[in-house]
N, C-alpha and C. Protein backbone atom coordinates (compact mmCIF):
# COMPACT_ATOMS: atom_id res chain seq x y z
N MET A 1 -37.09 -88.94 -96.21
CA MET A 1 -36.39 -88.74 -95.06
C MET A 1 -36.27 -87.04 -95.53
N LEU A 2 -36.42 -86.66 -94.03
CA LEU A 2 -36.32 -84.76 -93.85
C LEU A 2 -34.79 -84.91 -93.03
N ILE A 3 -34.00 -84.31 -93.70
CA ILE A 3 -32.71 -84.17 -92.62
C ILE A 3 -32.22 -82.68 -92.81
N THR A 4 -33.18 -81.91 -91.53
CA THR A 4 -33.21 -80.69 -91.02
C THR A 4 -31.76 -80.03 -90.60
N ILE A 5 -30.98 -78.64 -91.42
CA ILE A 5 -29.48 -77.76 -91.03
C ILE A 5 -30.54 -76.61 -90.09
N ASN A 6 -30.18 -77.33 -88.73
CA ASN A 6 -30.34 -76.01 -87.87
C ASN A 6 -29.71 -75.13 -87.95
N CYS A 7 -30.10 -73.55 -88.02
CA CYS A 7 -28.76 -72.49 -88.36
C CYS A 7 -29.28 -71.96 -87.27
N ALA A 8 -28.14 -71.49 -85.76
CA ALA A 8 -28.06 -70.57 -85.41
C ALA A 8 -27.88 -69.19 -86.84
N ASN A 9 -27.81 -67.60 -85.91
CA ASN A 9 -27.49 -66.91 -87.18
C ASN A 9 -25.67 -67.54 -86.66
N SER A 10 -25.28 -67.34 -85.84
CA SER A 10 -23.73 -67.41 -85.75
C SER A 10 -23.21 -68.51 -86.88
N GLU A 11 -23.89 -69.40 -86.67
CA GLU A 11 -23.67 -70.71 -87.57
C GLU A 11 -23.96 -70.90 -88.93
N GLU A 12 -24.47 -69.81 -89.79
CA GLU A 12 -25.92 -70.54 -90.46
C GLU A 12 -24.29 -70.71 -91.76
N GLN A 13 -24.82 -71.81 -92.35
CA GLN A 13 -24.30 -72.25 -93.79
C GLN A 13 -24.92 -71.23 -95.05
N ILE A 14 -23.94 -70.93 -95.66
CA ILE A 14 -24.41 -70.26 -97.00
C ILE A 14 -23.59 -71.24 -97.75
N ALA A 15 -24.61 -71.01 -99.52
CA ALA A 15 -24.49 -72.46 -100.06
C ALA A 15 -23.75 -71.60 -100.88
N LYS A 16 -22.93 -73.04 -101.34
CA LYS A 16 -21.60 -72.96 -102.48
C LYS A 16 -21.94 -72.51 -103.91
N PRO A 17 -20.98 -71.69 -103.95
CA PRO A 17 -21.16 -71.21 -105.63
C PRO A 17 -21.99 -72.00 -106.33
N ILE A 18 -22.35 -71.83 -107.21
CA ILE A 18 -22.61 -72.74 -108.47
C ILE A 18 -23.06 -71.81 -110.02
N SER A 19 -22.31 -72.27 -110.74
CA SER A 19 -22.26 -71.16 -112.48
C SER A 19 -22.31 -72.77 -113.38
N GLY A 20 -22.95 -72.27 -115.03
CA GLY A 20 -22.55 -72.80 -115.43
C GLY A 20 -23.45 -73.14 -116.44
N GLU A 21 -23.68 -73.72 -117.63
CA GLU A 21 -24.74 -73.95 -118.38
C GLU A 21 -25.68 -74.61 -118.58
N THR A 22 -26.89 -73.54 -118.36
CA THR A 22 -27.80 -74.60 -117.93
C THR A 22 -28.52 -75.33 -119.95
N PHE A 23 -29.45 -76.43 -119.92
CA PHE A 23 -28.91 -76.82 -121.22
C PHE A 23 -30.27 -76.43 -122.21
N PHE A 24 -30.98 -75.29 -121.31
CA PHE A 24 -32.17 -74.46 -122.77
C PHE A 24 -31.96 -72.74 -121.30
N HIS A 25 -32.00 -72.97 -120.78
CA HIS A 25 -32.04 -70.94 -120.49
C HIS A 25 -29.89 -70.39 -120.20
N GLY A 26 -29.06 -70.93 -121.33
CA GLY A 26 -27.92 -70.22 -121.31
C GLY A 26 -27.17 -70.40 -119.69
N ASN A 27 -26.91 -69.20 -119.18
CA ASN A 27 -26.05 -69.75 -118.37
C ASN A 27 -26.58 -69.45 -116.50
N PHE A 28 -26.79 -70.44 -116.13
CA PHE A 28 -26.32 -69.88 -114.48
C PHE A 28 -25.62 -70.01 -113.74
N ASP A 29 -26.14 -68.19 -112.66
CA ASP A 29 -24.99 -68.30 -111.27
C ASP A 29 -25.45 -68.36 -110.49
N LEU A 30 -25.76 -68.95 -109.00
CA LEU A 30 -26.48 -68.61 -108.52
C LEU A 30 -26.28 -66.86 -107.73
N ASP A 31 -25.44 -66.36 -108.24
CA ASP A 31 -24.67 -64.89 -107.56
C ASP A 31 -25.92 -64.03 -108.40
N MET A 32 -26.03 -64.93 -109.17
CA MET A 32 -26.97 -63.31 -110.19
C MET A 32 -28.75 -63.73 -109.56
N HIS A 33 -29.00 -64.44 -108.67
CA HIS A 33 -29.93 -64.80 -108.03
C HIS A 33 -29.46 -63.79 -106.18
N VAL A 34 -28.87 -63.04 -105.79
CA VAL A 34 -28.94 -62.42 -104.32
C VAL A 34 -30.22 -61.98 -104.32
N GLY A 35 -31.15 -61.75 -102.71
CA GLY A 35 -31.27 -62.01 -102.43
C GLY A 35 -33.37 -61.82 -102.93
N LYS A 36 -33.23 -63.45 -104.14
CA LYS A 36 -34.04 -64.00 -103.81
C LYS A 36 -33.87 -65.45 -103.34
N PRO A 37 -34.93 -66.45 -102.61
CA PRO A 37 -34.60 -67.44 -102.03
C PRO A 37 -34.45 -68.17 -103.79
N VAL A 38 -33.74 -69.74 -103.42
CA VAL A 38 -33.25 -70.46 -104.22
C VAL A 38 -34.08 -72.17 -103.95
N LEU A 39 -34.74 -72.75 -105.12
CA LEU A 39 -34.51 -74.25 -104.92
C LEU A 39 -33.76 -75.02 -105.47
N ILE A 40 -32.46 -75.80 -105.09
CA ILE A 40 -31.95 -76.34 -105.43
C ILE A 40 -32.04 -78.18 -105.47
N ASN A 41 -32.54 -79.07 -106.71
CA ASN A 41 -32.83 -80.07 -107.07
C ASN A 41 -32.27 -80.64 -107.80
N PHE A 42 -31.14 -82.13 -106.86
CA PHE A 42 -30.06 -83.30 -107.28
C PHE A 42 -31.06 -84.22 -107.49
N TRP A 43 -30.16 -84.78 -109.19
CA TRP A 43 -30.85 -86.10 -110.14
C TRP A 43 -30.26 -86.17 -110.95
N PHE A 44 -30.81 -87.35 -111.69
CA PHE A 44 -30.48 -87.98 -112.96
C PHE A 44 -31.18 -88.71 -112.75
N PRO A 45 -31.51 -88.93 -114.87
CA PRO A 45 -32.31 -89.38 -115.08
C PRO A 45 -32.95 -91.16 -115.36
N SER A 46 -31.91 -92.09 -114.44
CA SER A 46 -32.65 -93.23 -114.52
C SER A 46 -33.32 -94.26 -113.06
N CYS A 47 -32.94 -92.60 -112.35
CA CYS A 47 -33.06 -92.54 -111.21
C CYS A 47 -34.89 -92.88 -110.58
N PRO A 48 -35.47 -93.72 -110.36
CA PRO A 48 -37.19 -93.49 -110.25
C PRO A 48 -37.83 -92.20 -109.58
N PRO A 49 -37.24 -92.15 -108.33
CA PRO A 49 -37.56 -91.38 -107.27
C PRO A 49 -37.33 -89.98 -107.97
N CYS A 50 -36.14 -89.76 -108.53
CA CYS A 50 -36.41 -88.14 -109.24
C CYS A 50 -37.08 -88.45 -110.23
N ARG A 51 -37.12 -89.95 -110.72
CA ARG A 51 -38.91 -89.45 -112.50
C ARG A 51 -40.33 -88.68 -111.64
N ALA A 52 -40.44 -89.57 -110.14
CA ALA A 52 -41.70 -89.63 -109.73
C ALA A 52 -41.53 -88.38 -108.92
N GLU A 53 -41.06 -87.97 -108.92
CA GLU A 53 -41.05 -86.20 -108.21
C GLU A 53 -41.05 -84.74 -109.21
N MET A 54 -40.58 -85.76 -110.14
CA MET A 54 -40.24 -84.14 -111.18
C MET A 54 -41.87 -83.33 -111.60
N PRO A 55 -42.69 -83.68 -111.46
CA PRO A 55 -43.67 -83.56 -112.08
C PRO A 55 -44.48 -82.70 -110.97
N ASP A 56 -43.87 -82.88 -109.45
CA ASP A 56 -44.57 -81.95 -108.58
C ASP A 56 -43.72 -80.43 -108.53
N LEU A 57 -42.23 -80.76 -108.81
CA LEU A 57 -41.16 -79.58 -108.83
C LEU A 57 -41.90 -78.53 -109.69
N GLN A 58 -41.96 -79.43 -111.74
CA GLN A 58 -42.88 -78.64 -111.99
C GLN A 58 -43.72 -77.68 -112.09
N ILE A 59 -44.53 -78.25 -110.41
CA ILE A 59 -46.35 -77.85 -110.07
C ILE A 59 -45.48 -76.40 -109.83
N ALA A 60 -44.37 -76.87 -108.89
CA ALA A 60 -43.84 -75.64 -107.17
C ALA A 60 -43.46 -74.86 -108.71
N PHE A 61 -42.83 -74.81 -109.65
CA PHE A 61 -41.72 -74.10 -110.54
C PHE A 61 -43.44 -72.86 -110.86
N GLU A 62 -44.25 -73.45 -111.34
CA GLU A 62 -45.18 -72.51 -112.28
C GLU A 62 -46.02 -71.83 -111.10
N LYS A 63 -45.70 -72.58 -110.00
CA LYS A 63 -46.48 -71.41 -108.86
C LYS A 63 -45.55 -70.57 -108.34
N TYR A 64 -44.42 -70.94 -108.08
CA TYR A 64 -43.19 -69.57 -107.38
C TYR A 64 -42.38 -69.73 -107.96
N GLY A 65 -42.05 -69.20 -109.80
CA GLY A 65 -41.53 -69.74 -109.92
C GLY A 65 -40.66 -67.92 -110.21
N GLU A 66 -40.99 -67.39 -110.20
CA GLU A 66 -41.27 -65.52 -110.17
C GLU A 66 -40.33 -65.39 -109.43
N ASP A 67 -41.09 -65.71 -107.79
CA ASP A 67 -41.04 -65.63 -106.30
C ASP A 67 -39.63 -65.61 -105.80
N VAL A 68 -38.99 -67.09 -106.59
CA VAL A 68 -37.95 -68.64 -106.28
C VAL A 68 -36.89 -68.46 -107.44
N ALA A 69 -35.82 -68.67 -107.27
CA ALA A 69 -34.80 -69.29 -108.42
C ALA A 69 -35.12 -70.95 -108.02
N PHE A 70 -35.54 -71.43 -109.16
CA PHE A 70 -34.95 -73.43 -109.25
C PHE A 70 -33.98 -72.82 -110.18
N ILE A 71 -33.68 -73.85 -110.06
CA ILE A 71 -31.56 -74.50 -110.42
C ILE A 71 -32.02 -75.96 -110.15
N GLY A 72 -32.20 -77.17 -111.50
CA GLY A 72 -31.64 -78.44 -111.12
C GLY A 72 -30.29 -79.24 -111.78
N ILE A 73 -29.79 -79.82 -111.11
CA ILE A 73 -28.14 -80.07 -111.46
C ILE A 73 -28.50 -81.98 -111.08
N GLN A 74 -27.91 -82.21 -112.79
CA GLN A 74 -27.61 -83.75 -112.96
C GLN A 74 -27.40 -84.14 -112.63
N GLN A 75 -26.75 -85.08 -112.23
CA GLN A 75 -24.86 -86.10 -111.52
C GLN A 75 -25.48 -86.91 -113.17
N MET A 76 -23.97 -86.64 -113.66
CA MET A 76 -23.58 -87.40 -114.10
C MET A 76 -22.86 -89.18 -114.62
N GLY A 77 -22.77 -89.73 -113.10
CA GLY A 77 -22.10 -90.62 -113.56
C GLY A 77 -23.30 -91.80 -113.75
N SER A 78 -24.29 -92.04 -113.61
CA SER A 78 -24.93 -92.94 -114.48
C SER A 78 -25.34 -92.39 -115.67
N ASP A 79 -25.57 -91.07 -115.92
CA ASP A 79 -26.04 -90.87 -117.14
C ASP A 79 -25.50 -90.15 -118.26
N SER A 80 -25.79 -89.67 -119.02
CA SER A 80 -25.43 -88.50 -120.38
C SER A 80 -26.40 -87.04 -120.37
N GLU A 81 -25.51 -86.54 -120.70
CA GLU A 81 -25.78 -85.53 -120.87
C GLU A 81 -26.82 -84.98 -121.58
N LYS A 82 -27.21 -85.95 -122.83
CA LYS A 82 -27.99 -86.58 -123.92
C LYS A 82 -29.07 -87.08 -123.53
N MET A 83 -28.71 -87.88 -122.51
CA MET A 83 -30.14 -88.34 -121.88
C MET A 83 -31.40 -87.48 -121.16
N GLY A 84 -29.75 -86.56 -120.27
CA GLY A 84 -31.12 -85.70 -119.46
C GLY A 84 -31.01 -84.69 -120.05
N ILE A 85 -31.09 -84.22 -121.34
CA ILE A 85 -31.83 -83.59 -122.08
C ILE A 85 -32.95 -84.14 -122.27
N GLU A 86 -33.08 -85.36 -122.95
CA GLU A 86 -34.21 -85.92 -123.67
C GLU A 86 -35.07 -86.13 -122.02
N PHE A 87 -34.38 -85.90 -121.01
CA PHE A 87 -35.59 -86.61 -119.41
C PHE A 87 -36.19 -85.43 -119.63
N ILE A 88 -35.38 -83.65 -119.81
CA ILE A 88 -36.41 -83.12 -119.22
C ILE A 88 -36.81 -82.23 -121.01
N ARG A 89 -37.70 -83.22 -121.92
CA ARG A 89 -38.22 -83.02 -122.96
C ARG A 89 -39.61 -84.03 -122.92
N GLU A 90 -39.04 -84.96 -122.98
CA GLU A 90 -40.06 -86.24 -122.30
C GLU A 90 -41.42 -85.53 -121.09
N LEU A 91 -40.56 -85.12 -120.07
CA LEU A 91 -41.15 -84.68 -118.64
C LEU A 91 -42.17 -82.74 -118.49
N GLY A 92 -41.35 -82.30 -119.97
CA GLY A 92 -42.22 -81.09 -119.61
C GLY A 92 -41.44 -80.45 -118.76
N LEU A 93 -40.05 -80.12 -118.34
CA LEU A 93 -39.65 -79.49 -117.46
C LEU A 93 -39.00 -78.05 -117.75
N THR A 94 -39.42 -77.18 -117.92
CA THR A 94 -39.56 -75.78 -118.18
C THR A 94 -38.63 -74.84 -116.83
N TYR A 95 -37.78 -75.22 -116.06
CA TYR A 95 -37.13 -75.14 -115.36
C TYR A 95 -35.66 -74.45 -115.82
N PRO A 96 -34.35 -73.83 -115.08
CA PRO A 96 -33.25 -74.46 -116.20
C PRO A 96 -33.21 -75.61 -114.76
N VAL A 97 -32.33 -76.45 -116.27
CA VAL A 97 -30.99 -77.65 -115.09
C VAL A 97 -29.79 -77.13 -116.25
N MET A 98 -28.69 -77.94 -115.65
CA MET A 98 -27.63 -77.70 -116.20
C MET A 98 -27.00 -79.23 -116.06
N ALA A 99 -25.76 -79.59 -116.19
CA ALA A 99 -25.90 -80.93 -116.05
C ALA A 99 -24.11 -80.61 -115.36
N ASP A 100 -23.61 -81.55 -114.73
CA ASP A 100 -22.58 -81.14 -113.30
C ASP A 100 -21.95 -82.33 -113.91
N PHE A 101 -20.99 -81.28 -114.28
CA PHE A 101 -19.50 -82.37 -114.95
C PHE A 101 -18.53 -82.19 -113.66
N GLY A 102 -17.90 -83.36 -113.95
CA GLY A 102 -16.83 -83.84 -112.70
C GLY A 102 -17.34 -83.78 -111.20
N SER A 103 -19.08 -83.76 -111.17
CA SER A 103 -19.45 -83.72 -109.53
C SER A 103 -18.68 -82.55 -108.90
N LYS A 104 -18.24 -81.47 -109.19
CA LYS A 104 -17.85 -80.45 -108.74
C LYS A 104 -18.86 -79.60 -107.44
N VAL A 105 -20.68 -79.11 -108.45
CA VAL A 105 -21.65 -78.97 -107.34
C VAL A 105 -22.19 -80.37 -105.83
N GLN A 106 -22.13 -81.04 -106.44
CA GLN A 106 -22.59 -82.24 -105.25
C GLN A 106 -21.45 -82.74 -104.67
N ALA A 107 -20.33 -82.14 -105.18
CA ALA A 107 -19.39 -82.49 -103.83
C ALA A 107 -19.38 -81.47 -103.11
N ASN A 108 -19.69 -80.44 -103.78
CA ASN A 108 -19.86 -79.32 -102.85
C ASN A 108 -20.84 -79.20 -101.43
N TYR A 109 -22.20 -79.78 -101.96
CA TYR A 109 -22.88 -79.42 -101.38
C TYR A 109 -23.29 -81.34 -100.50
N GLU A 110 -22.43 -81.88 -100.52
CA GLU A 110 -22.44 -83.10 -99.56
C GLU A 110 -23.25 -83.92 -100.25
N ILE A 111 -23.60 -84.10 -101.42
CA ILE A 111 -24.80 -84.59 -101.94
C ILE A 111 -24.83 -86.04 -101.68
N LEU A 112 -25.08 -87.04 -101.24
CA LEU A 112 -24.94 -88.66 -100.84
C LEU A 112 -26.04 -89.37 -101.62
N SER A 113 -27.68 -88.79 -101.87
CA SER A 113 -28.32 -89.58 -102.07
C SER A 113 -29.07 -89.16 -103.15
N PHE A 114 -30.05 -89.21 -104.07
CA PHE A 114 -30.52 -88.91 -105.13
C PHE A 114 -32.30 -88.93 -105.24
N PRO A 115 -33.36 -88.19 -105.71
CA PRO A 115 -33.19 -86.83 -105.56
C PRO A 115 -32.68 -86.51 -104.05
N THR A 116 -31.79 -85.15 -103.62
CA THR A 116 -31.55 -84.44 -102.99
C THR A 116 -32.06 -82.93 -103.44
N THR A 117 -33.56 -81.90 -102.57
CA THR A 117 -33.60 -81.20 -102.43
C THR A 117 -33.27 -79.79 -101.09
N VAL A 118 -32.55 -79.00 -101.93
CA VAL A 118 -31.07 -77.60 -101.38
C VAL A 118 -32.55 -76.28 -101.07
N PHE A 119 -33.19 -76.15 -100.44
CA PHE A 119 -33.85 -74.75 -99.63
C PHE A 119 -32.74 -73.86 -99.35
N LEU A 120 -33.05 -72.66 -100.09
CA LEU A 120 -31.92 -71.66 -99.64
C LEU A 120 -32.78 -70.38 -99.33
N ARG A 121 -32.52 -69.49 -98.20
CA ARG A 121 -33.20 -68.20 -97.79
C ARG A 121 -32.91 -67.36 -99.24
N LYS A 122 -33.66 -66.16 -98.57
CA LYS A 122 -32.99 -64.57 -99.17
C LYS A 122 -31.71 -64.19 -99.27
N ASP A 123 -30.90 -64.60 -97.95
CA ASP A 123 -29.15 -65.09 -98.06
C ASP A 123 -28.41 -65.86 -98.77
N HIS A 124 -29.49 -66.40 -98.87
CA HIS A 124 -28.94 -67.99 -99.73
C HIS A 124 -28.37 -68.74 -98.95
N SER A 125 -29.14 -68.53 -96.84
CA SER A 125 -28.23 -69.48 -96.35
C SER A 125 -29.39 -70.50 -96.75
N ILE A 126 -28.39 -72.23 -95.98
CA ILE A 126 -29.26 -72.73 -96.16
C ILE A 126 -30.76 -73.64 -95.47
N SER A 127 -31.60 -73.42 -95.94
CA SER A 127 -32.51 -73.75 -94.26
C SER A 127 -33.00 -75.52 -94.71
N ARG A 128 -33.57 -75.97 -96.02
CA ARG A 128 -33.00 -77.27 -95.38
C ARG A 128 -32.22 -77.62 -96.20
N VAL A 129 -31.79 -78.71 -96.47
CA VAL A 129 -32.12 -80.26 -97.42
C VAL A 129 -32.97 -81.35 -96.93
N TRP A 130 -33.02 -81.58 -98.29
CA TRP A 130 -34.45 -82.98 -97.78
C TRP A 130 -34.01 -83.60 -99.19
N THR A 131 -34.03 -84.42 -98.41
CA THR A 131 -33.79 -86.20 -98.98
C THR A 131 -34.81 -87.11 -99.02
N GLY A 132 -34.71 -87.34 -100.56
CA GLY A 132 -35.72 -88.49 -100.73
C GLY A 132 -36.85 -87.91 -101.74
N ILE A 133 -37.78 -88.54 -102.34
CA ILE A 133 -38.75 -88.00 -102.87
C ILE A 133 -39.66 -86.50 -102.77
N ILE A 134 -39.85 -85.32 -102.85
CA ILE A 134 -40.88 -83.94 -102.39
C ILE A 134 -41.79 -84.49 -102.86
N ASP A 135 -42.74 -84.04 -102.23
CA ASP A 135 -44.20 -83.85 -102.58
C ASP A 135 -44.97 -82.74 -103.08
N GLU A 136 -45.91 -82.27 -103.36
CA GLU A 136 -45.78 -81.12 -103.90
C GLU A 136 -46.65 -79.82 -102.32
N GLN A 137 -47.02 -80.71 -101.53
CA GLN A 137 -47.46 -79.96 -100.57
C GLN A 137 -46.52 -80.26 -99.16
N GLN A 138 -45.22 -80.92 -99.63
CA GLN A 138 -44.18 -80.70 -99.10
C GLN A 138 -43.67 -78.51 -99.95
N LEU A 139 -43.17 -79.07 -101.39
CA LEU A 139 -42.77 -78.21 -102.16
C LEU A 139 -43.17 -76.62 -101.80
N ASN A 140 -44.92 -77.40 -101.58
CA ASN A 140 -45.74 -75.83 -100.68
C ASN A 140 -45.40 -75.72 -99.29
N GLN A 141 -44.68 -76.07 -98.83
CA GLN A 141 -44.57 -75.67 -96.99
C GLN A 141 -43.31 -75.05 -97.12
N GLU A 142 -42.27 -75.44 -97.58
CA GLU A 142 -40.97 -75.62 -97.70
C GLU A 142 -40.60 -74.28 -97.92
N LEU A 143 -41.07 -74.47 -99.65
CA LEU A 143 -41.25 -73.11 -100.39
C LEU A 143 -41.95 -71.19 -100.01
N ASP A 144 -43.14 -72.17 -99.15
CA ASP A 144 -43.58 -71.14 -97.87
C ASP A 144 -43.07 -69.84 -97.26
N ALA A 145 -41.84 -71.79 -96.39
CA ALA A 145 -41.52 -70.84 -95.32
C ALA A 145 -39.47 -70.03 -96.15
N ILE A 146 -39.07 -70.60 -97.24
CA ILE A 146 -38.03 -69.73 -97.67
C ILE A 146 -38.53 -68.25 -97.87
N LEU A 147 -39.74 -68.16 -98.69
CA LEU A 147 -40.52 -67.08 -98.90
C LEU A 147 -40.99 -65.66 -97.68
N GLY A 148 -41.25 -66.47 -96.23
CA GLY A 148 -41.74 -66.29 -94.94
C GLY A 148 -43.04 -65.77 -95.43
N ILE A 149 -44.09 -66.80 -95.96
CA ILE A 149 -45.29 -66.24 -96.19
C ILE A 149 -45.94 -67.46 -95.01
């Protein structure tokens, strides 16, 4: 299912702050990426659809990672931080991922199902919220859109 947030200039939804320690890439702060589009992916290790889309997210990161900031947000309700780290290693993910302790980021973004991918424009207004599995072709389309390609 694709959920689109239609934004008129006066009603654009600006992304809520995200900051925290990633598993392998140090600190992440959305403010560090001002002027750069961002992909935010909400997931958890025991979620089969989340697992299914991860290889395509890694491919997208390898293709777009210089021009688009990527951050994975692990929901902590069902799985542990250790499970998240093992999951990342098993799948060979190289983009930044952080645990969402207390589900603060999830609540700020009103994420109700997994996986969910949020695409931010360069000004960090929300371009699209994609609920459910997203594949390589769909990722390319959405990333090209936020890059203006």
